[in-house]
């Protein structure tokens, strides 16, 4: 019970935006994971780019803010990972990352 009370009253506990902000941001990760089966050419490149930049900036913010917000850092690191995966799917669909090696003679 003491551990729960310490978490409840901590500077990054559920009484603060340091907790609820990252919890809400896990929705981005869930949305991208649920879209894994979407056809790669339909992915919106500008959205992928902006989400990658957004997550990278907020990873730095989560690291620099005091107290450090590890929950926000983990959320945005996960979001960056799934967004880069989606970008690789888009690149494969466009033919930039072809499986075949072309020999130039």
PDB file of N, CA and C in Angstrom:
ATOM      1  N   UNK A   1       0.824  -1.195   0.000  1.00  0.00           N
ATOM      2  CA  UNK A   1       0.000   0.000   0.000  1.00  0.00           C
ATOM      3  C   UNK A   1       0.864   1.254   0.000  1.00  0.00           C
ATOM      4  N   UNK A   2       2.023   1.180   0.636  1.00  0.00           N
ATOM      5  CA  UNK A   2       2.912   2.335   0.689  1.00  0.00           C
ATOM      6  C   UNK A   2       3.459   2.653  -0.702  1.00  0.00           C
ATOM      7  N   UNK A   3       3.739   1.609  -1.489  1.00  0.00           N
ATOM      8  CA  UNK A   3       4.256   1.833  -2.850  1.00  0.00           C
ATOM      9  C   UNK A   3       3.192   2.499  -3.719  1.00  0.00           C
ATOM     10  N   UNK A   4       1.950   2.064  -3.589  1.00  0.00           N
ATOM     11  CA  UNK A   4       0.863   2.685  -4.350  1.00  0.00           C
ATOM     12  C   UNK A   4       0.682   4.140  -3.952  1.00  0.00           C
ATOM     13  N   UNK A   5       0.744   4.413  -2.672  1.00  0.00           N
ATOM     14  CA  UNK A   5       0.579   5.786  -2.196  1.00  0.00           C
ATOM     15  C   UNK A   5       1.729   6.667  -2.684  1.00  0.00           C
ATOM     16  N   UNK A   6       2.945   6.115  -2.690  1.00  0.00           N
ATOM     17  CA  UNK A   6       4.095   6.872  -3.200  1.00  0.00           C
ATOM     18  C   UNK A   6       3.929   7.171  -4.685  1.00  0.00           C
ATOM     19  N   UNK A   7       3.456   6.186  -5.462  1.00  0.00           N
ATOM     20  CA  UNK A   7       3.212   6.397  -6.891  1.00  0.00           C
ATOM     21  C   UNK A   7       2.095   7.415  -7.094  1.00  0.00           C
ATOM     22  N   UNK A   8       1.036   7.305  -6.326  1.00  0.00           N
ATOM     23  CA  UNK A   8      -0.117   8.192  -6.463  1.00  0.00           C
ATOM     24  C   UNK A   8       0.278   9.653  -6.225  1.00  0.00           C
ATOM     25  N   UNK A   9       1.164   9.896  -5.282  1.00  0.00           N
ATOM     26  CA  UNK A   9       1.553  11.258  -4.923  1.00  0.00           C
ATOM     27  C   UNK A   9       2.866  11.700  -5.568  1.00  0.00           C
ATOM     28  N   UNK A  10       3.438  10.892  -6.450  1.00  0.00           N
ATOM     29  CA  UNK A  10       4.719  11.253  -7.062  1.00  0.00           C
ATOM     30  C   UNK A  10       4.531  12.361  -8.096  1.00  0.00           C
ATOM     31  N   UNK A  11       5.619  13.047  -8.479  1.00  0.00           N
ATOM     32  CA  UNK A  11       5.519  14.122  -9.465  1.00  0.00           C
ATOM     33  C   UNK A  11       5.146  13.636 -10.864  1.00  0.00           C
ATOM     34  N   UNK A  12       5.232  12.340 -11.107  1.00  0.00           N
ATOM     35  CA  UNK A  12       4.829  11.784 -12.406  1.00  0.00           C
ATOM     36  C   UNK A  12       3.685  10.789 -12.242  1.00  0.00           C
ATOM     37  N   UNK A  13       2.963  10.902 -11.168  1.00  0.00           N
ATOM     38  CA  UNK A  13       1.859   9.986 -10.891  1.00  0.00           C
ATOM     39  C   UNK A  13       0.572  10.383 -11.585  1.00  0.00           C
ATOM     40  N   UNK A  14      -0.497   9.627 -11.334  1.00  0.00           N
ATOM     41  CA  UNK A  14      -1.760   9.841 -12.040  1.00  0.00           C
ATOM     42  C   UNK A  14      -2.482  11.151 -11.709  1.00  0.00           C
ATOM     43  N   UNK A  15      -1.953  11.938 -10.829  1.00  0.00           N
ATOM     44  CA  UNK A  15      -2.556  13.239 -10.543  1.00  0.00           C
ATOM     45  C   UNK A  15      -2.001  14.326 -11.465  1.00  0.00           C
ATOM     46  N   UNK A  16      -1.097  13.976 -12.359  1.00  0.00           N
ATOM     47  CA  UNK A  16      -0.412  14.984 -13.171  1.00  0.00           C
ATOM     48  C   UNK A  16      -0.546  14.698 -14.665  1.00  0.00           C
ATOM     49  N   UNK A  17      -0.222  15.710 -15.454  1.00  0.00           N
ATOM     50  CA  UNK A  17      -0.194  15.518 -16.907  1.00  0.00           C
ATOM     51  C   UNK A  17       1.018  14.700 -17.325  1.00  0.00           C
ATOM     52  N   UNK A  18       2.019  14.570 -16.450  1.00  0.00           N
ATOM     53  CA  UNK A  18       3.170  13.721 -16.756  1.00  0.00           C
ATOM     54  C   UNK A  18       2.753  12.259 -16.886  1.00  0.00           C
ATOM     55  N   UNK A  19       1.599  11.915 -16.367  1.00  0.00           N
ATOM     56  CA  UNK A  19       1.081  10.553 -16.477  1.00  0.00           C
ATOM     57  C   UNK A  19       0.052  10.444 -17.586  1.00  0.00           C
ATOM     58  N   UNK A  20      -0.926  11.328 -17.603  1.00  0.00           N
ATOM     59  CA  UNK A  20      -2.048  11.193 -18.536  1.00  0.00           C
ATOM     60  C   UNK A  20      -1.686  11.559 -19.967  1.00  0.00           C
ATOM     61  N   UNK A  21      -0.714  12.434 -20.163  1.00  0.00           N
ATOM     62  CA  UNK A  21      -0.257  12.749 -21.515  1.00  0.00           C
ATOM     63  C   UNK A  21       0.292  11.524 -22.238  1.00  0.00           C
ATOM     64  N   UNK A  22       1.247  10.814 -21.631  1.00  0.00           N
ATOM     65  CA  UNK A  22       1.761   9.603 -22.271  1.00  0.00           C
ATOM     66  C   UNK A  22       0.706   8.516 -22.436  1.00  0.00           C
ATOM     67  N   UNK A  23      -0.174   8.381 -21.471  1.00  0.00           N
ATOM     68  CA  UNK A  23      -1.223   7.358 -21.591  1.00  0.00           C
ATOM     69  C   UNK A  23      -2.079   7.635 -22.825  1.00  0.00           C
ATOM     70  N   UNK A  24      -2.415   8.901 -23.040  1.00  0.00           N
ATOM     71  CA  UNK A  24      -3.206   9.259 -24.220  1.00  0.00           C
ATOM     72  C   UNK A  24      -2.403   9.062 -25.508  1.00  0.00           C
ATOM     73  N   UNK A  25      -1.096   9.322 -25.465  1.00  0.00           N
ATOM     74  CA  UNK A  25      -0.262   9.186 -26.655  1.00  0.00           C
ATOM     75  C   UNK A  25      -0.065   7.731 -27.072  1.00  0.00           C
ATOM     76  N   UNK A  26      -0.313   6.782 -26.194  1.00  0.00           N
ATOM     77  CA  UNK A  26      -0.219   5.368 -26.599  1.00  0.00           C
ATOM     78  C   UNK A  26      -1.258   5.058 -27.669  1.00  0.00           C
ATOM     79  N   UNK A  27      -2.259   5.920 -27.808  1.00  0.00           N
ATOM     80  CA  UNK A  27      -3.256   5.746 -28.868  1.00  0.00           C
ATOM     81  C   UNK A  27      -2.632   5.839 -30.252  1.00  0.00           C
ATOM     82  N   UNK A  28      -1.605   6.698 -30.420  1.00  0.00           N
ATOM     83  CA  UNK A  28      -0.896   6.781 -31.703  1.00  0.00           C
ATOM     84  C   UNK A  28      -0.254   5.446 -32.049  1.00  0.00           C
ATOM     85  N   UNK A  29       0.403   4.854 -31.074  1.00  0.00           N
ATOM     86  CA  UNK A  29       1.086   3.577 -31.293  1.00  0.00           C
ATOM     87  C   UNK A  29       0.059   2.499 -31.623  1.00  0.00           C
ATOM     88  N   UNK A  30      -1.037   2.474 -30.890  1.00  0.00           N
ATOM     89  CA  UNK A  30      -2.086   1.483 -31.144  1.00  0.00           C
ATOM     90  C   UNK A  30      -2.698   1.665 -32.528  1.00  0.00           C
ATOM     91  N   UNK A  31      -2.891   2.902 -32.949  1.00  0.00           N
ATOM     92  CA  UNK A  31      -3.483   3.165 -34.261  1.00  0.00           C
ATOM     93  C   UNK A  31      -2.570   2.683 -35.386  1.00  0.00           C
ATOM     94  N   UNK A  32      -1.282   2.933 -35.259  1.00  0.00           N
ATOM     95  CA  UNK A  32      -0.347   2.499 -36.306  1.00  0.00           C
ATOM     96  C   UNK A  32      -0.233   0.983 -36.321  1.00  0.00           C
ATOM     97  N   UNK A  33      -0.203   0.374 -35.149  1.00  0.00           N
ATOM     98  CA  UNK A  33      -0.127  -1.090 -35.094  1.00  0.00           C
ATOM     99  C   UNK A  33      -1.369  -1.741 -35.682  1.00  0.00           C
ATOM    100  N   UNK A  34      -2.506  -1.110 -35.531  1.00  0.00           N
ATOM    101  CA  UNK A  34      -3.729  -1.690 -36.090  1.00  0.00           C
ATOM    102  C   UNK A  34      -3.795  -1.515 -37.600  1.00  0.00           C
ATOM    103  N   UNK A  35      -2.958  -0.640 -38.156  1.00  0.00           N
ATOM    104  CA  UNK A  35      -2.965  -0.377 -39.586  1.00  0.00           C
ATOM    105  C   UNK A  35      -1.857  -1.126 -40.318  1.00  0.00           C
ATOM    106  N   UNK A  36      -1.267  -2.101 -39.679  1.00  0.00           N
ATOM    107  CA  UNK A  36      -0.177  -2.858 -40.298  1.00  0.00           C
ATOM    108  C   UNK A  36      -0.602  -3.540 -41.583  1.00  0.00           C
ATOM    109  N   UNK A  37      -1.845  -3.908 -41.700  1.00  0.00           N
ATOM    110  CA  UNK A  37      -2.296  -4.652 -42.873  1.00  0.00           C
ATOM    111  C   UNK A  37      -2.716  -3.736 -44.023  1.00  0.00           C
ATOM    112  N   UNK A  38      -2.695  -2.433 -43.828  1.00  0.00           N
ATOM    113  CA  UNK A  38      -3.095  -1.504 -44.891  1.00  0.00           C
ATOM    114  C   UNK A  38      -2.086  -1.573 -46.036  1.00  0.00           C
ATOM    115  N   UNK A  39      -2.570  -1.370 -47.231  1.00  0.00           N
ATOM    116  CA  UNK A  39      -1.709  -1.412 -48.401  1.00  0.00           C
ATOM    117  C   UNK A  39      -0.697  -0.269 -48.331  1.00  0.00           C
ATOM    118  N   UNK A  40       0.570  -0.593 -48.547  1.00  0.00           N
ATOM    119  CA  UNK A  40       1.660   0.353 -48.346  1.00  0.00           C
ATOM    120  C   UNK A  40       1.598   1.610 -49.175  1.00  0.00           C
ATOM    121  N   UNK A  41       1.057   1.562 -50.381  1.00  0.00           N
ATOM    122  CA  UNK A  41       1.029   2.747 -51.225  1.00  0.00           C
ATOM    123  C   UNK A  41       0.000   3.763 -50.752  1.00  0.00           C
ATOM    124  N   UNK A  42      -0.919   3.354 -49.902  1.00  0.00           N
ATOM    125  CA  UNK A  42      -1.941   4.263 -49.423  1.00  0.00           C
ATOM    126  C   UNK A  42      -1.483   5.074 -48.212  1.00  0.00           C
ATOM    127  N   UNK A  43      -0.301   4.751 -47.702  1.00  0.00           N
ATOM    128  CA  UNK A  43       0.193   5.464 -46.529  1.00  0.00           C
ATOM    129  C   UNK A  43       0.520   6.905 -46.909  1.00  0.00           C
ATOM    130  N   UNK A  44       0.173   7.796 -46.091  1.00  0.00           N
ATOM    131  CA  UNK A  44       0.361   9.206 -46.349  1.00  0.00           C
ATOM    132  C   UNK A  44       1.755   9.606 -45.874  1.00  0.00           C
ATOM    133  N   UNK A  45       2.621   9.936 -46.819  1.00  0.00           N
ATOM    134  CA  UNK A  45       4.027  10.188 -46.531  1.00  0.00           C
ATOM    135  C   UNK A  45       4.226  11.401 -45.634  1.00  0.00           C
ATOM    136  N   UNK A  46       3.510  12.473 -45.853  1.00  0.00           N
ATOM    137  CA  UNK A  46       3.667  13.665 -45.027  1.00  0.00           C
ATOM    138  C   UNK A  46       3.272  13.387 -43.576  1.00  0.00           C
ATOM    139  N   UNK A  47       2.252  12.595 -43.374  1.00  0.00           N
ATOM    140  CA  UNK A  47       1.849  12.225 -42.017  1.00  0.00           C
ATOM    141  C   UNK A  47       2.935  11.378 -41.353  1.00  0.00           C
ATOM    142  N   UNK A  48       3.507  10.433 -42.082  1.00  0.00           N
ATOM    143  CA  UNK A  48       4.583   9.617 -41.527  1.00  0.00           C
ATOM    144  C   UNK A  48       5.759  10.491 -41.117  1.00  0.00           C
ATOM    145  N   UNK A  49       6.126  11.409 -41.992  1.00  0.00           N
ATOM    146  CA  UNK A  49       7.245  12.298 -41.707  1.00  0.00           C
ATOM    147  C   UNK A  49       6.959  13.158 -40.476  1.00  0.00           C
ATOM    148  N   UNK A  50       5.787  13.750 -40.422  1.00  0.00           N
ATOM    149  CA  UNK A  50       5.469  14.632 -39.297  1.00  0.00           C
ATOM    150  C   UNK A  50       5.394  13.859 -37.980  1.00  0.00           C
ATOM    151  N   UNK A  51       4.881  12.636 -38.006  1.00  0.00           N
ATOM    152  CA  UNK A  51       4.839  11.839 -36.774  1.00  0.00           C
ATOM    153  C   UNK A  51       6.231  11.427 -36.325  1.00  0.00           C
ATOM    154  N   UNK A  52       7.135  11.166 -37.272  1.00  0.00           N
ATOM    155  CA  UNK A  52       8.515  10.837 -36.907  1.00  0.00           C
ATOM    156  C   UNK A  52       9.207  12.031 -36.255  1.00  0.00           C
ATOM    157  N   UNK A  53       9.023  13.209 -36.837  1.00  0.00           N
ATOM    158  CA  UNK A  53       9.627  14.418 -36.268  1.00  0.00           C
ATOM    159  C   UNK A  53       9.013  14.726 -34.907  1.00  0.00           C
ATOM    160  N   UNK A  54       7.702  14.622 -34.811  1.00  0.00           N
ATOM    161  CA  UNK A  54       6.988  14.861 -33.550  1.00  0.00           C
ATOM    162  C   UNK A  54       7.499  13.936 -32.446  1.00  0.00           C
ATOM    163  N   UNK A  55       7.617  12.660 -32.754  1.00  0.00           N
ATOM    164  CA  UNK A  55       8.060  11.707 -31.738  1.00  0.00           C
ATOM    165  C   UNK A  55       9.505  11.941 -31.342  1.00  0.00           C
ATOM    166  N   UNK A  56      10.346  12.278 -32.313  1.00  0.00           N
ATOM    167  CA  UNK A  56      11.750  12.548 -31.996  1.00  0.00           C
ATOM    168  C   UNK A  56      11.882  13.770 -31.086  1.00  0.00           C
ATOM    169  N   UNK A  57      11.134  14.814 -31.384  1.00  0.00           N
ATOM    170  CA  UNK A  57      11.187  16.012 -30.549  1.00  0.00           C
ATOM    171  C   UNK A  57      10.681  15.736 -29.134  1.00  0.00           C
ATOM    172  N   UNK A  58       9.611  14.980 -29.037  1.00  0.00           N
ATOM    173  CA  UNK A  58       9.064  14.720 -27.711  1.00  0.00           C
ATOM    174  C   UNK A  58       9.867  13.686 -26.935  1.00  0.00           C
ATOM    175  N   UNK A  59      10.655  12.847 -27.622  1.00  0.00           N
ATOM    176  CA  UNK A  59      11.577  11.982 -26.885  1.00  0.00           C
ATOM    177  C   UNK A  59      12.620  12.845 -26.184  1.00  0.00           C
ATOM    178  N   UNK A  60      13.132  13.846 -26.890  1.00  0.00           N
ATOM    179  CA  UNK A  60      14.105  14.743 -26.273  1.00  0.00           C
ATOM    180  C   UNK A  60      13.459  15.519 -25.121  1.00  0.00           C
ATOM    181  N   UNK A  61      12.238  16.001 -25.331  1.00  0.00           N
ATOM    182  CA  UNK A  61      11.537  16.725 -24.275  1.00  0.00           C
ATOM    183  C   UNK A  61      11.368  15.850 -23.036  1.00  0.00           C
ATOM    184  N   UNK A  62      10.954  14.594 -23.242  1.00  0.00           N
ATOM    185  CA  UNK A  62      10.735  13.681 -22.113  1.00  0.00           C
ATOM    186  C   UNK A  62      12.025  13.422 -21.357  1.00  0.00           C
ATOM    187  N   UNK A  63      13.146  13.468 -22.062  1.00  0.00           N
ATOM    188  CA  UNK A  63      14.429  13.234 -21.411  1.00  0.00           C
ATOM    189  C   UNK A  63      14.891  14.479 -20.652  1.00  0.00           C
ATOM    190  N   UNK A  64      14.603  15.663 -21.187  1.00  0.00           N
ATOM    191  CA  UNK A  64      15.111  16.902 -20.600  1.00  0.00           C
ATOM    192  C   UNK A  64      14.231  17.462 -19.487  1.00  0.00           C
ATOM    193  N   UNK A  65      12.940  17.163 -19.493  1.00  0.00           N
ATOM    194  CA  UNK A  65      12.032  17.727 -18.496  1.00  0.00           C
ATOM    195  C   UNK A  65      12.378  17.165 -17.111  1.00  0.00           C
ATOM    196  N   UNK A  66      12.158  17.971 -16.097  1.00  0.00           N
ATOM    197  CA  UNK A  66      12.420  17.522 -14.739  1.00  0.00           C
ATOM    198  C   UNK A  66      11.107  17.444 -13.980  1.00  0.00           C
ATOM    199  N   UNK A  67      10.750  16.370 -13.357  1.00  0.00           N
ATOM    200  CA  UNK A  67      11.462  15.098 -13.328  1.00  0.00           C
ATOM    201  C   UNK A  67      11.346  14.394 -14.685  1.00  0.00           C
ATOM    202  N   UNK A  68      12.337  13.568 -14.994  1.00  0.00           N
ATOM    203  CA  UNK A  68      12.338  12.864 -16.273  1.00  0.00           C
ATOM    204  C   UNK A  68      11.087  12.010 -16.397  1.00  0.00           C
ATOM    205  N   UNK A  69      10.501  12.068 -17.564  1.00  0.00           N
ATOM    206  CA  UNK A  69       9.248  11.355 -17.796  1.00  0.00           C
ATOM    207  C   UNK A  69       9.529  10.119 -18.654  1.00  0.00           C
ATOM    208  N   UNK A  70       9.837   9.013 -17.997  1.00  0.00           N
ATOM    209  CA  UNK A  70      10.195   7.782 -18.697  1.00  0.00           C
ATOM    210  C   UNK A  70       8.998   7.176 -19.424  1.00  0.00           C
ATOM    211  N   UNK A  71       7.809   7.379 -18.909  1.00  0.00           N
ATOM    212  CA  UNK A  71       6.615   6.876 -19.575  1.00  0.00           C
ATOM    213  C   UNK A  71       6.415   7.585 -20.922  1.00  0.00           C
ATOM    214  N   UNK A  72       6.604   8.885 -20.958  1.00  0.00           N
ATOM    215  CA  UNK A  72       6.504   9.643 -22.200  1.00  0.00           C
ATOM    216  C   UNK A  72       7.627   9.262 -23.162  1.00  0.00           C
ATOM    217  N   UNK A  73       8.820   9.049 -22.633  1.00  0.00           N
ATOM    218  CA  UNK A  73       9.948   8.635 -23.466  1.00  0.00           C
ATOM    219  C   UNK A  73       9.681   7.284 -24.115  1.00  0.00           C
ATOM    220  N   UNK A  74       9.181   6.335 -23.353  1.00  0.00           N
ATOM    221  CA  UNK A  74       8.870   5.011 -23.898  1.00  0.00           C
ATOM    222  C   UNK A  74       7.759   5.084 -24.939  1.00  0.00           C
ATOM    223  N   UNK A  75       6.767   5.912 -24.667  1.00  0.00           N
ATOM    224  CA  UNK A  75       5.657   6.069 -25.609  1.00  0.00           C
ATOM    225  C   UNK A  75       6.143   6.604 -26.940  1.00  0.00           C
ATOM    226  N   UNK A  76       6.944   7.651 -26.917  1.00  0.00           N
ATOM    227  CA  UNK A  76       7.401   8.258 -28.163  1.00  0.00           C
ATOM    228  C   UNK A  76       8.476   7.421 -28.852  1.00  0.00           C
ATOM    229  N   UNK A  77       9.267   6.680 -28.099  1.00  0.00           N
ATOM    230  CA  UNK A  77      10.217   5.759 -28.727  1.00  0.00           C
ATOM    231  C   UNK A  77       9.465   4.655 -29.464  1.00  0.00           C
ATOM    232  N   UNK A  78       8.403   4.158 -28.875  1.00  0.00           N
ATOM    233  CA  UNK A  78       7.577   3.149 -29.542  1.00  0.00           C
ATOM    234  C   UNK A  78       6.904   3.737 -30.770  1.00  0.00           C
ATOM    235  N   UNK A  79       6.403   4.945 -30.649  1.00  0.00           N
ATOM    236  CA  UNK A  79       5.755   5.596 -31.785  1.00  0.00           C
ATOM    237  C   UNK A  79       6.755   5.818 -32.918  1.00  0.00           C
ATOM    238  N   UNK A  80       7.961   6.244 -32.589  1.00  0.00           N
ATOM    239  CA  UNK A  80       8.997   6.445 -33.609  1.00  0.00           C
ATOM    240  C   UNK A  80       9.302   5.130 -34.324  1.00  0.00           C
ATOM    241  N   UNK A  81       9.372   4.059 -33.562  1.00  0.00           N
ATOM    242  CA  UNK A  81       9.667   2.748 -34.140  1.00  0.00           C
ATOM    243  C   UNK A  81       8.582   2.313 -35.120  1.00  0.00           C
ATOM    244  N   UNK A  82       7.327   2.415 -34.724  1.00  0.00           N
ATOM    245  CA  UNK A  82       6.258   1.961 -35.617  1.00  0.00           C
ATOM    246  C   UNK A  82       6.098   2.902 -36.811  1.00  0.00           C
ATOM    247  N   UNK A  83       6.365   4.188 -36.631  1.00  0.00           N
ATOM    248  CA  UNK A  83       6.284   5.111 -37.768  1.00  0.00           C
ATOM    249  C   UNK A  83       7.393   4.819 -38.778  1.00  0.00           C
ATOM    250  N   UNK A  84       8.600   4.517 -38.300  1.00  0.00           N
ATOM    251  CA  UNK A  84       9.687   4.170 -39.213  1.00  0.00           C
ATOM    252  C   UNK A  84       9.403   2.847 -39.923  1.00  0.00           C
ATOM    253  N   UNK A  85       8.743   1.927 -39.225  1.00  0.00           N
ATOM    254  CA  UNK A  85       8.328   0.684 -39.881  1.00  0.00           C
ATOM    255  C   UNK A  85       7.329   0.975 -41.003  1.00  0.00           C
ATOM    256  N   UNK A  86       6.369   1.846 -40.732  1.00  0.00           N
ATOM    257  CA  UNK A  86       5.402   2.214 -41.762  1.00  0.00           C
ATOM    258  C   UNK A  86       6.101   2.918 -42.934  1.00  0.00           C
ATOM    259  N   UNK A  87       7.093   3.751 -42.634  1.00  0.00           N
ATOM    260  CA  UNK A  87       7.842   4.413 -43.700  1.00  0.00           C
ATOM    261  C   UNK A  87       8.580   3.383 -44.556  1.00  0.00           C
ATOM    262  N   UNK A  88       9.135   2.353 -43.934  1.00  0.00           N
ATOM    263  CA  UNK A  88       9.814   1.311 -44.717  1.00  0.00           C
ATOM    264  C   UNK A  88       8.816   0.545 -45.582  1.00  0.00           C
ATOM    265  N   UNK A  89       7.601   0.339 -45.089  1.00  0.00           N
ATOM    266  CA  UNK A  89       6.563  -0.305 -45.901  1.00  0.00           C
ATOM    267  C   UNK A  89       6.208   0.563 -47.101  1.00  0.00           C
ATOM    268  N   UNK A  90       6.112   1.882 -46.886  1.00  0.00           N
ATOM    269  CA  UNK A  90       5.822   2.791 -47.982  1.00  0.00           C
ATOM    270  C   UNK A  90       6.952   2.747 -49.014  1.00  0.00           C
ATOM    271  N   UNK A  91       8.202   2.753 -48.532  1.00  0.00           N
ATOM    272  CA  UNK A  91       9.350   2.738 -49.442  1.00  0.00           C
ATOM    273  C   UNK A  91       9.392   1.444 -50.254  1.00  0.00           C
ATOM    274  N   UNK A  92       9.054   0.327 -49.636  1.00  0.00           N
ATOM    275  CA  UNK A  92       8.996  -0.948 -50.369  1.00  0.00           C
ATOM    276  C   UNK A  92       7.893  -0.921 -51.416  1.00  0.00           C
ATOM    277  N   UNK A  93       6.754  -0.359 -51.067  1.00  0.00           N
ATOM    278  CA  UNK A  93       5.630  -0.286 -52.013  1.00  0.00           C
ATOM    279  C   UNK A  93       5.952   0.621 -53.196  1.00  0.00           C
ATOM    280  N   UNK A  94       6.767   1.644 -52.961  1.00  0.00           N
ATOM    281  CA  UNK A  94       7.159   2.544 -54.038  1.00  0.00           C
ATOM    282  C   UNK A  94       8.312   1.989 -54.868  1.00  0.00           C
ATOM    283  N   UNK A  95       8.934   0.905 -54.406  1.00  0.00           N
ATOM    284  CA  UNK A  95      10.029   0.294 -55.139  1.00  0.00           C
ATOM    285  C   UNK A  95      11.403   0.796 -54.740  1.00  0.00           C
ATOM    286  N   UNK A  96      11.492   1.606 -53.700  1.00  0.00           N
ATOM    287  CA  UNK A  96      12.791   2.113 -53.260  1.00  0.00           C
ATOM    288  C   UNK A  96      13.607   1.048 -52.544  1.00  0.00           C
ATOM    289  N   UNK A  97      12.966   0.135 -51.893  1.00  0.00           N
ATOM    290  CA  UNK A  97      13.655  -0.933 -51.173  1.00  0.00           C
ATOM    291  C   UNK A  97      13.301  -2.269 -51.805  1.00  0.00           C
ATOM    292  N   UNK A  98      13.718  -2.466 -53.027  1.00  0.00           N
ATOM    293  CA  UNK A  98      13.360  -3.702 -53.720  1.00  0.00           C
ATOM    294  C   UNK A  98      14.180  -4.856 -53.167  1.00  0.00           C
ATOM    295  N   UNK A  99      13.584  -6.013 -53.196  1.00  0.00           N
ATOM    296  CA  UNK A  99      14.229  -7.217 -52.688  1.00  0.00           C
ATOM    297  C   UNK A  99      15.315  -7.714 -53.651  1.00  0.00           C
ATOM    298  N   UNK A 100      15.161  -7.406 -54.920  1.00  0.00           N
ATOM    299  CA  UNK A 100      16.102  -7.902 -55.931  1.00  0.00           C
ATOM    300  C   UNK A 100      17.321  -7.010 -56.014  1.00  0.00           C
ATOM    301  N   UNK A 101      18.455  -7.636 -56.213  1.00  0.00           N
ATOM    302  CA  UNK A 101      19.701  -6.885 -56.426  1.00  0.00           C
ATOM    303  C   UNK A 101      19.925  -6.770 -57.930  1.00  0.00           C
ATOM    304  N   UNK A 102      20.047  -5.564 -58.403  1.00  0.00           N
ATOM    305  CA  UNK A 102      20.263  -5.360 -59.829  1.00  0.00           C
ATOM    306  C   UNK A 102      21.771  -5.266 -60.088  1.00  0.00           C
ATOM    307  N   UNK A 103      22.250  -6.154 -60.944  1.00  0.00           N
ATOM    308  CA  UNK A 103      23.664  -6.152 -61.295  1.00  0.00           C
ATOM    309  C   UNK A 103      23.903  -5.205 -62.453  1.00  0.00           C
ATOM    310  N   UNK A 104      24.839  -4.319 -62.272  1.00  0.00           N
ATOM    311  CA  UNK A 104      25.194  -3.391 -63.344  1.00  0.00           C
ATOM    312  C   UNK A 104      26.480  -3.896 -63.985  1.00  0.00           C
ATOM    313  N   UNK A 105      26.434  -4.061 -65.295  1.00  0.00           N
ATOM    314  CA  UNK A 105      27.588  -4.592 -65.994  1.00  0.00           C
ATOM    315  C   UNK A 105      28.386  -3.498 -66.643  1.00  0.00           C
TER     316      UNK A 105
END
